[in-house]
Protein backbone atom coordinates (compact mmCIF):
# COMPACT_ATOMS: atom_id res chain seq x y z
CA MET A 1 -38.63 183.27 98.57
CA ARG A 2 -36.77 181.64 101.34
CA ILE A 3 -33.65 179.67 99.93
CA PHE A 4 -31.36 177.40 101.74
CA LEU A 5 -27.94 177.57 99.94
CA THR A 6 -24.79 175.25 100.45
CA GLY A 7 -21.64 176.16 98.87
CA ALA A 8 -22.05 179.99 99.20
CA THR A 9 -18.34 180.75 99.69
CA GLY A 10 -17.25 178.88 96.68
CA PHE A 11 -17.01 180.30 93.20
CA ILE A 12 -20.38 179.16 91.84
CA GLY A 13 -22.36 179.52 95.05
CA GLY A 14 -21.01 183.07 96.04
CA HIS A 15 -22.21 184.34 92.41
CA ILE A 16 -25.59 182.61 93.08
CA LEU A 17 -25.86 184.23 96.69
CA ARG A 18 -25.25 187.66 95.26
CA SER A 19 -27.75 187.32 92.46
CA LEU A 20 -30.59 185.78 94.64
CA SER A 21 -29.79 188.45 97.25
CA ASP A 22 -29.88 191.37 94.74
CA ARG A 23 -33.48 190.13 93.41
CA GLY A 24 -34.77 190.38 96.98
CA HIS A 25 -34.69 186.75 97.98
CA GLN A 26 -34.01 185.72 101.63
CA VAL A 27 -31.05 183.41 101.61
CA THR A 28 -29.85 181.09 104.37
CA CYS A 29 -26.28 180.15 103.81
CA LEU A 30 -24.24 177.11 105.18
CA ALA A 31 -20.73 178.09 106.11
CA ARG A 32 -18.26 177.40 108.75
CA GLY A 33 -15.20 179.10 110.59
CA ASN A 34 -13.63 181.81 108.48
CA SER A 35 -16.01 181.12 105.59
CA ALA A 36 -18.99 182.15 107.71
CA ALA A 37 -17.04 185.40 108.84
CA GLN A 38 -16.33 186.37 105.15
CA LEU A 39 -20.01 185.96 104.43
CA ARG A 40 -20.75 188.23 107.51
CA SER A 41 -18.37 190.76 106.19
CA LEU A 42 -20.50 191.23 103.10
CA ALA A 43 -23.31 192.79 105.26
CA LEU A 44 -26.04 191.48 102.94
CA THR A 45 -29.27 192.19 104.88
CA SER A 46 -31.25 189.54 103.20
CA VAL A 47 -28.75 186.78 104.20
CA GLN A 48 -28.67 184.65 107.34
CA ILE A 49 -25.83 182.18 108.07
CA VAL A 50 -25.98 178.70 109.68
CA GLU A 51 -22.68 177.59 110.69
CA GLY A 52 -21.86 173.93 110.00
CA GLU A 53 -19.82 171.41 108.09
CA PHE A 54 -21.48 170.25 104.87
CA THR A 55 -20.18 166.70 105.40
CA ALA A 56 -21.71 166.43 109.02
CA PRO A 57 -25.54 167.10 107.98
CA ALA A 58 -26.73 166.82 111.64
CA ASP A 59 -25.23 170.40 112.02
CA TYR A 60 -27.71 172.03 109.67
CA VAL A 61 -30.55 169.74 108.23
CA LYS A 62 -32.96 170.97 111.02
CA HIS A 63 -32.42 174.47 109.61
CA VAL A 64 -33.94 173.54 106.02
CA ALA A 65 -37.49 173.57 107.44
CA GLY A 66 -39.30 176.91 106.53
CA HIS A 67 -37.53 177.44 103.14
CA ASP A 68 -39.10 177.34 99.79
CA VAL A 69 -36.02 176.28 97.70
CA VAL A 70 -32.82 174.18 98.46
CA ILE A 71 -29.72 174.78 96.27
CA ASN A 72 -26.78 172.58 96.42
CA ALA A 73 -23.72 174.27 94.88
CA VAL A 74 -20.84 172.51 96.86
CA GLY A 75 -18.31 170.65 94.86
CA ILE A 76 -14.65 169.62 95.04
CA ILE A 77 -12.17 168.74 92.08
CA ARG A 78 -9.61 166.80 94.24
CA GLU A 79 -10.23 164.64 97.44
CA THR A 80 -8.47 165.14 100.72
CA SER A 81 -8.46 163.00 103.85
CA SER A 82 -11.64 164.99 105.32
CA ALA A 83 -13.46 165.73 101.97
CA THR A 84 -13.83 162.70 99.55
CA PHE A 85 -15.99 162.67 96.45
CA ASP A 86 -18.50 160.32 98.03
CA SER A 87 -19.04 162.35 101.17
CA VAL A 88 -19.06 165.67 99.49
CA HIS A 89 -20.78 164.77 96.24
CA THR A 90 -23.22 161.96 97.37
CA ARG A 91 -23.77 161.40 101.00
CA ALA A 92 -24.16 164.90 102.24
CA PRO A 93 -26.36 166.04 99.22
CA ILE A 94 -28.57 162.88 99.80
CA VAL A 95 -29.12 163.88 103.37
CA LEU A 96 -29.87 167.45 102.39
CA PHE A 97 -32.50 166.67 99.60
CA ASP A 98 -34.08 163.98 102.01
CA ALA A 99 -34.38 166.55 104.67
CA ALA A 100 -35.88 169.08 102.18
CA LEU A 101 -38.60 166.50 101.10
CA ALA A 102 -39.40 165.77 104.79
CA ALA A 103 -39.58 169.58 105.64
CA GLY A 104 -42.06 170.29 102.54
CA VAL A 105 -39.54 172.27 100.45
CA ARG A 106 -41.13 173.23 97.18
CA LYS A 107 -38.09 172.60 95.05
CA CYS A 108 -34.52 171.40 95.04
CA ILE A 109 -31.85 172.66 92.68
CA GLN A 110 -28.66 170.71 92.30
CA ILE A 111 -25.47 172.23 90.45
CA SER A 112 -23.89 168.92 89.14
CA ALA A 113 -21.21 168.59 86.44
CA LEU A 114 -21.31 167.93 82.62
CA GLY A 115 -20.12 164.30 82.35
CA ALA A 116 -22.28 163.09 85.35
CA ASP A 117 -24.19 160.90 83.05
CA ASP A 118 -24.67 157.24 81.83
CA ALA A 119 -21.11 157.32 80.26
CA ALA A 120 -19.61 158.65 83.61
CA GLN A 121 -16.23 156.87 84.37
CA SER A 122 -14.21 159.07 86.86
CA ARG A 123 -15.14 158.90 90.57
CA TYR A 124 -15.73 162.67 90.38
CA HIS A 125 -18.52 162.30 87.76
CA LEU A 126 -19.80 159.08 89.55
CA SER A 127 -20.25 160.67 92.71
CA LYS A 128 -22.09 163.64 91.31
CA ARG A 129 -24.31 161.29 89.28
CA ALA A 130 -25.40 159.44 92.29
CA ALA A 131 -26.85 162.61 94.23
CA ASP A 132 -28.45 163.50 90.88
CA ARG A 133 -30.25 160.31 90.41
CA HIS A 134 -31.18 160.16 94.17
CA LEU A 135 -32.75 163.83 93.97
CA ALA A 136 -34.79 162.76 90.71
CA SER A 137 -36.21 159.82 92.59
CA LEU A 138 -37.77 161.95 95.28
CA GLN A 139 -41.39 163.18 95.21
CA VAL A 140 -40.31 166.81 95.08
CA PRO A 141 -39.81 169.28 92.36
CA TRP A 142 -36.18 169.41 91.31
CA VAL A 143 -33.92 170.88 88.73
CA VAL A 144 -30.25 169.36 87.96
CA LEU A 145 -28.14 171.63 86.13
CA ARG A 146 -24.84 170.00 84.52
CA PRO A 147 -22.53 172.69 83.64
CA SER A 148 -19.31 172.53 81.54
CA LEU A 149 -16.08 174.34 82.92
CA VAL A 150 -17.46 177.56 84.39
CA TYR A 151 -15.53 180.87 84.24
CA GLY A 152 -15.94 184.33 85.20
CA PRO A 153 -14.98 186.80 87.94
CA GLY A 154 -13.01 184.90 90.73
CA ASP A 155 -12.51 181.59 88.87
CA HIS A 156 -9.59 179.33 89.15
CA SER A 157 -9.60 177.11 86.16
CA MET A 158 -9.57 179.96 83.64
CA THR A 159 -7.09 182.01 85.67
CA PHE A 160 -4.69 178.86 85.58
CA PHE A 161 -5.22 178.49 82.00
CA GLU A 162 -4.32 182.36 81.45
CA SER A 163 -1.17 181.54 83.46
CA LEU A 164 -0.31 178.80 80.87
CA ALA A 165 -1.10 181.07 78.03
CA ALA A 166 1.34 183.55 79.45
CA LEU A 167 4.17 181.30 79.45
CA PRO A 168 6.84 181.44 76.43
CA ILE A 169 5.94 177.81 76.06
CA ALA A 170 2.72 176.32 77.55
CA PRO A 171 2.72 172.67 78.39
CA VAL A 172 -0.38 171.04 77.21
CA PRO A 173 -1.40 167.42 78.06
CA GLY A 174 -1.71 165.20 74.76
CA ASP A 175 -2.49 166.76 71.47
CA GLY A 176 -4.69 169.57 72.99
CA GLN A 177 -7.43 168.82 70.56
CA TYR A 178 -9.94 167.33 73.13
CA PRO A 179 -13.07 169.67 73.07
CA LEU A 180 -14.48 171.92 75.90
CA GLN A 181 -17.38 174.16 76.04
CA PRO A 182 -16.82 176.75 78.94
CA ILE A 183 -20.00 178.50 80.10
CA HIS A 184 -19.79 181.95 81.51
CA MET A 185 -21.00 182.23 85.10
CA ASP A 186 -23.53 184.89 84.14
CA ASP A 187 -25.41 182.32 82.17
CA LEU A 188 -25.13 179.58 84.80
CA VAL A 189 -26.57 181.97 87.46
CA ARG A 190 -29.29 183.16 85.17
CA ALA A 191 -30.31 179.56 84.73
CA VAL A 192 -30.38 179.09 88.59
CA VAL A 193 -32.45 182.04 89.13
CA LEU A 194 -34.89 180.93 86.47
CA ALA A 195 -35.20 177.54 88.17
CA VAL A 196 -35.96 179.41 91.45
CA GLU A 197 -38.48 181.71 90.18
CA ARG A 198 -40.43 179.76 87.70
CA GLU A 199 -42.40 177.23 89.47
CA GLU A 200 -43.32 175.04 86.37
CA LEU A 201 -39.62 174.47 85.75
CA ALA A 202 -39.13 171.10 87.46
CA GLY A 203 -38.45 167.67 86.75
CA VAL A 204 -35.38 168.87 84.39
CA ALA A 205 -31.79 167.54 84.20
CA VAL A 206 -29.88 169.27 81.58
CA ASP A 207 -26.44 169.64 80.29
CA VAL A 208 -25.13 173.20 79.42
CA GLY A 209 -21.99 174.70 78.05
CA GLY A 210 -20.98 177.84 76.07
CA ALA A 211 -22.32 178.50 72.56
CA GLU A 212 -19.89 176.10 70.90
CA PRO A 213 -17.07 173.64 71.78
CA MET A 214 -13.30 174.61 71.40
CA THR A 215 -10.31 172.67 71.64
CA PHE A 216 -7.96 173.19 74.66
CA ASP A 217 -5.50 174.43 72.20
CA ARG A 218 -7.84 176.99 70.81
CA ILE A 219 -8.81 178.23 74.38
CA LEU A 220 -5.33 178.92 75.01
CA ASP A 221 -4.91 180.84 71.90
CA VAL A 222 -7.72 183.05 72.64
CA LEU A 223 -6.45 183.73 76.23
CA ALA A 224 -3.11 184.64 74.73
CA MET A 225 -4.69 187.17 72.55
CA LYS A 226 -6.27 188.78 75.71
CA LEU A 227 -2.64 188.97 77.14
CA GLY A 228 -1.39 190.69 74.02
CA LYS A 229 0.20 187.76 72.28
CA ARG A 230 -0.70 186.46 69.01
CA ARG A 231 -0.99 182.80 69.83
CA THR A 232 0.51 180.38 72.62
CA ARG A 233 3.58 178.26 71.70
CA LYS A 234 2.76 174.94 72.93
CA LEU A 235 4.76 171.86 74.12
CA HIS A 236 2.38 168.80 73.76
CA ILE A 237 3.25 166.44 76.47
CA PRO A 238 2.73 162.78 75.74
CA ILE A 239 -0.13 161.23 77.42
CA SER A 240 2.07 158.41 78.87
CA VAL A 241 4.12 161.25 80.81
CA MET A 242 1.00 162.71 81.96
CA GLU A 243 -0.21 159.46 83.26
CA LEU A 244 3.00 158.97 85.24
CA THR A 245 2.60 162.64 86.48
CA ALA A 246 -0.99 161.91 87.56
CA ARG A 247 0.12 158.77 89.40
CA GLY A 248 2.61 160.79 91.34
CA THR A 249 0.01 163.51 92.29
CA ASP A 250 -2.37 160.84 93.31
CA ALA A 251 0.35 159.20 95.42
CA LEU A 252 1.47 162.47 97.10
CA GLY A 253 -1.90 164.11 97.16
CA ARG A 254 -0.49 167.09 95.50
CA GLY A 255 0.74 167.94 92.08
CA PRO A 256 -0.27 169.42 88.62
CA ILE A 257 -2.97 167.00 87.61
CA SER A 258 -4.68 164.09 89.27
CA GLY A 259 -5.74 160.95 87.48
CA ASP A 260 -9.26 161.81 87.63
CA GLU A 261 -8.57 165.22 85.93
CA LEU A 262 -6.53 163.69 83.30
CA SER A 263 -9.23 161.21 82.41
CA MET A 264 -11.93 163.99 82.46
CA LEU A 265 -9.81 166.16 80.22
CA ARG A 266 -9.18 163.36 77.63
CA ARG A 267 -12.93 162.57 77.56
CA GLY A 268 -13.79 166.23 76.50
CA ASN A 269 -16.41 168.19 78.07
CA VAL A 270 -19.14 169.15 75.43
CA ALA A 271 -22.84 169.72 75.84
CA ASP A 272 -25.96 169.55 73.54
CA ASN A 273 -27.45 172.94 74.46
CA ARG A 274 -30.81 172.43 72.83
CA PRO A 275 -32.77 170.83 75.66
CA PHE A 276 -31.30 173.62 77.92
CA ILE A 277 -32.54 176.27 75.61
CA GLU A 278 -35.95 174.83 75.18
CA CYS A 279 -36.31 174.58 78.92
CA PHE A 280 -34.77 177.92 79.91
CA GLY A 281 -35.37 180.14 76.99
CA PHE A 282 -31.83 181.57 76.21
CA ALA A 283 -28.78 180.52 74.64
CA PRO A 284 -25.31 180.83 76.68
CA VAL A 285 -22.84 183.14 75.22
CA ALA A 286 -19.74 182.08 73.08
CA PHE A 287 -16.34 181.99 75.05
CA GLY A 288 -14.98 184.83 73.10
CA VAL A 289 -17.87 186.99 74.10
CA GLY A 290 -17.76 185.88 77.82
CA ILE A 291 -14.18 186.21 78.36
CA ALA A 292 -14.30 189.89 76.87
CA ARG A 293 -16.78 190.82 79.68
CA LYS A 294 -13.79 191.23 81.99
CA PRO A 295 -11.15 193.47 80.51
CA PHE A 296 -7.63 192.33 81.48
CA THR A 297 -5.90 194.70 83.90
CA GLU A 298 -2.27 195.25 84.21
CA ALA A 299 -2.66 193.38 87.60
CA ASP A 300 -4.15 190.44 85.74
CA ARG A 301 -1.24 190.30 83.25
CA TRP A 302 1.17 190.33 86.03
CA HIS A 303 -0.67 187.55 87.70
CA ALA A 304 -0.69 185.38 84.52
CA ARG A 305 2.86 185.82 83.97
CA ILE A 306 4.04 184.99 87.46
CA ALA A 307 1.48 182.47 88.65
CA ASN A 308 3.41 179.60 86.99
CA LEU A 309 6.56 180.55 88.43
CA ARG A 310 5.45 179.39 91.96
CA LEU A 311 6.32 175.75 91.58
CA PRO A 312 9.77 176.30 89.77
CA LEU A 313 10.63 178.96 92.43
CA ARG A 314 9.96 176.65 95.29
CA TRP A 315 11.63 173.78 93.66
CA SER A 316 14.71 175.60 92.98
CA ILE A 317 14.83 176.96 96.52
CA ALA A 318 14.26 173.55 97.95
CA PHE A 319 17.17 172.17 95.67
CA VAL A 320 19.61 174.70 97.16
CA TRP A 321 18.89 173.62 100.66
CA LEU A 322 18.88 169.98 99.73
CA ALA A 323 22.09 170.25 97.85
CA THR A 324 23.76 172.32 100.58
CA GLY A 325 22.78 169.81 103.29
CA ILE A 326 23.84 166.85 101.23
CA VAL A 327 27.25 168.36 100.28
CA SER A 328 27.97 169.64 103.74
CA ALA A 329 27.21 166.04 105.33
CA PHE A 330 28.75 163.84 102.83
CA PHE A 331 31.26 165.55 100.58
CA SER A 332 32.77 168.68 102.35
CA THR A 333 33.04 167.82 105.97
CA ALA A 334 36.64 168.87 106.15
CA GLU A 335 35.81 172.23 104.57
CA GLY A 336 32.93 172.60 107.04
CA PHE A 337 34.82 171.68 110.06
CA GLU A 338 37.60 174.21 109.05
CA LEU A 339 34.74 176.98 108.77
CA LEU A 340 33.53 176.20 112.26
CA ARG A 341 37.09 176.21 113.71
CA GLN A 342 37.47 179.65 112.33
CA VAL A 343 34.35 180.89 114.17
CA GLY A 344 35.43 179.17 117.20
CA ILE A 345 33.37 175.93 117.22
CA THR A 346 35.48 172.88 117.69
CA GLY A 347 35.27 169.20 119.18
CA PRO A 348 31.95 167.47 119.75
CA LEU A 349 30.04 170.73 119.31
CA ALA A 350 31.38 171.04 115.90
CA ASN A 351 30.04 167.58 114.96
CA LEU A 352 26.79 168.58 116.22
CA ALA A 353 26.65 171.77 114.51
CA LEU A 354 27.98 170.52 111.07
CA TYR A 355 25.87 167.16 110.87
CA GLY A 356 22.69 168.52 112.78
CA THR A 357 22.62 171.67 110.57
CA ALA A 358 23.15 169.56 107.33
CA TYR A 359 20.46 167.11 108.14
CA PHE A 360 17.85 169.86 109.11
CA GLU A 361 18.78 171.62 105.65
CA ILE A 362 18.04 168.40 104.02
CA ALA A 363 14.66 168.15 105.95
CA ILE A 364 13.70 171.67 105.12
CA GLY A 365 14.42 171.21 101.49
CA LEU A 366 12.32 168.08 101.18
CA ALA A 367 9.40 169.65 103.17
CA THR A 368 9.65 172.56 100.70
CA ALA A 369 9.90 170.58 97.55
CA LEU A 370 6.77 168.52 98.65
CA GLY A 371 4.79 171.81 99.41
CA TRP A 372 4.48 170.95 103.28
CA ARG A 373 3.81 174.18 105.40
CA VAL A 374 5.74 176.15 102.83
CA ARG A 375 5.43 179.57 104.49
CA ARG A 376 6.57 178.10 107.73
CA MET A 377 9.54 176.43 105.95
CA ALA A 378 10.15 179.70 104.56
CA LEU A 379 10.30 181.71 107.62
CA ILE A 380 12.69 179.00 109.11
CA GLN A 381 15.06 179.40 106.11
CA LEU A 382 15.07 183.10 106.41
CA VAL A 383 16.07 182.78 110.38
CA LEU A 384 18.57 180.17 109.27
CA MET A 385 20.10 182.61 106.49
CA PHE A 386 20.26 185.64 108.87
CA GLY A 387 21.63 183.49 111.38
CA PHE A 388 24.35 182.16 109.29
CA MET A 389 25.27 185.60 107.72
CA LEU A 390 25.42 187.14 111.16
CA ILE A 391 27.71 184.34 112.62
CA LEU A 392 30.14 184.41 109.47
CA THR A 393 29.97 188.16 109.33
CA PHE A 394 31.64 188.64 112.86
CA GLY A 395 33.51 185.28 112.69
CA ILE A 396 34.83 185.26 108.99
CA PRO A 397 34.20 188.88 107.50
CA ALA A 398 36.46 188.10 104.61
CA LEU A 399 33.87 185.93 103.23
CA TRP A 400 31.85 189.01 101.87
CA LEU A 401 34.85 189.40 99.67
CA HIS A 402 35.18 186.12 98.46
CA PRO A 403 35.13 185.72 94.78
CA PHE A 404 32.35 182.66 94.78
CA GLY A 405 30.19 184.93 97.01
CA PRO A 406 29.15 182.50 99.80
CA LEU A 407 27.68 185.35 101.70
CA THR A 408 26.55 187.60 99.01
CA LYS A 409 24.65 184.97 97.25
CA ASN A 410 22.40 185.03 100.40
CA ILE A 411 20.97 188.22 99.49
CA PRO A 412 18.98 187.16 96.32
CA LEU A 413 18.08 184.02 97.91
CA ILE A 414 16.47 185.89 100.96
CA VAL A 415 14.58 187.86 98.39
CA ALA A 416 13.49 184.84 96.12
CA THR A 417 12.32 183.06 99.57
CA LEU A 418 10.20 186.46 100.34
CA VAL A 419 8.78 186.12 96.81
CA MET A 420 7.89 182.30 97.31
CA MET A 421 5.92 183.16 100.60
CA ALA A 422 3.95 185.75 98.64
CA LEU A 423 3.28 183.43 95.86
CA GLU A 424 2.05 180.70 98.26
CA GLU A 425 -0.66 182.93 99.50
């Protein structure tokens, strides 16, 4: 069959693409920029690429004609200024499905989300539900799959949970007893392939999760055992604190958890698999079985152990720059001017050097703390540190032997900055 697939460079869409290609289907993928280049690098002979932006359907809807099936696997978990839930989950899919109907496509398949139902409250779920309902109203065969949390090779959510489980004490929102029902990627992809290849499978909207629900605490314990630990020690964070954190995340556009994510987590994510099993003829595997399909390598263990050090490392480096700048500008100006005099900088130039450098350090610290262009900030920090060390080495070489180590302490800070740059990738 000829299949038009959106979201082929994402976690779910990428697995769907490889499975359909392996089964001999001709797949046309929508991608843009670097994502299109990544798809070309796979060198899949049965895959064609249409370059375009999903939220600008005019770029690609004309290419839908001539295909047998349209699959939409695009999704975001957080909004940005250029990609909102409404634009990505609702408006663009509606245009895509309308174009499929006009082009005479034989079936449309929508990868939605568990919770996009009559009880939906989050903007994420509501935006998914709007597209699902529009598709169901069209005179074209359709299938809507609403999976729970999907895990498998290349996932992000379970990788993040693994890094939590690896911590000496894992922070857990609330009591950790909210139920989840993760589904392995193999089961979701198998369902999509069946929806593509079985013509009679149409007019179906079903929830699907793993074999059984598990609490979030239990999921962390299973992952801890994979990491060689007996269980995860947990620190349950009061919901009131998490709500405050979520408001900060929403205001800044970045942070550990958004308001929508916290709302969805507290609601739980559990599916009744009976309608799915009846329609698709198989039962998804249990979480323990699915997670065992990918043995943990030493690299996985290293990643799990250091992933959650990224933010503490960045914030601690940001603190050094903020503290240095504030102390230099407001509390230790006399000492600063004396150091400048010893390296030959006096008068108005000394004022410019002291205060200009101090305020610049404060700006760098703030940008680093907020996660703004961290790698670029890190490069600036490295240049400044090497510059300071060079000037002071020639101007005041005795500082290398100072008991408080004003120069020697730069060595571990330089290494920490390089590690921060690597983790930010």
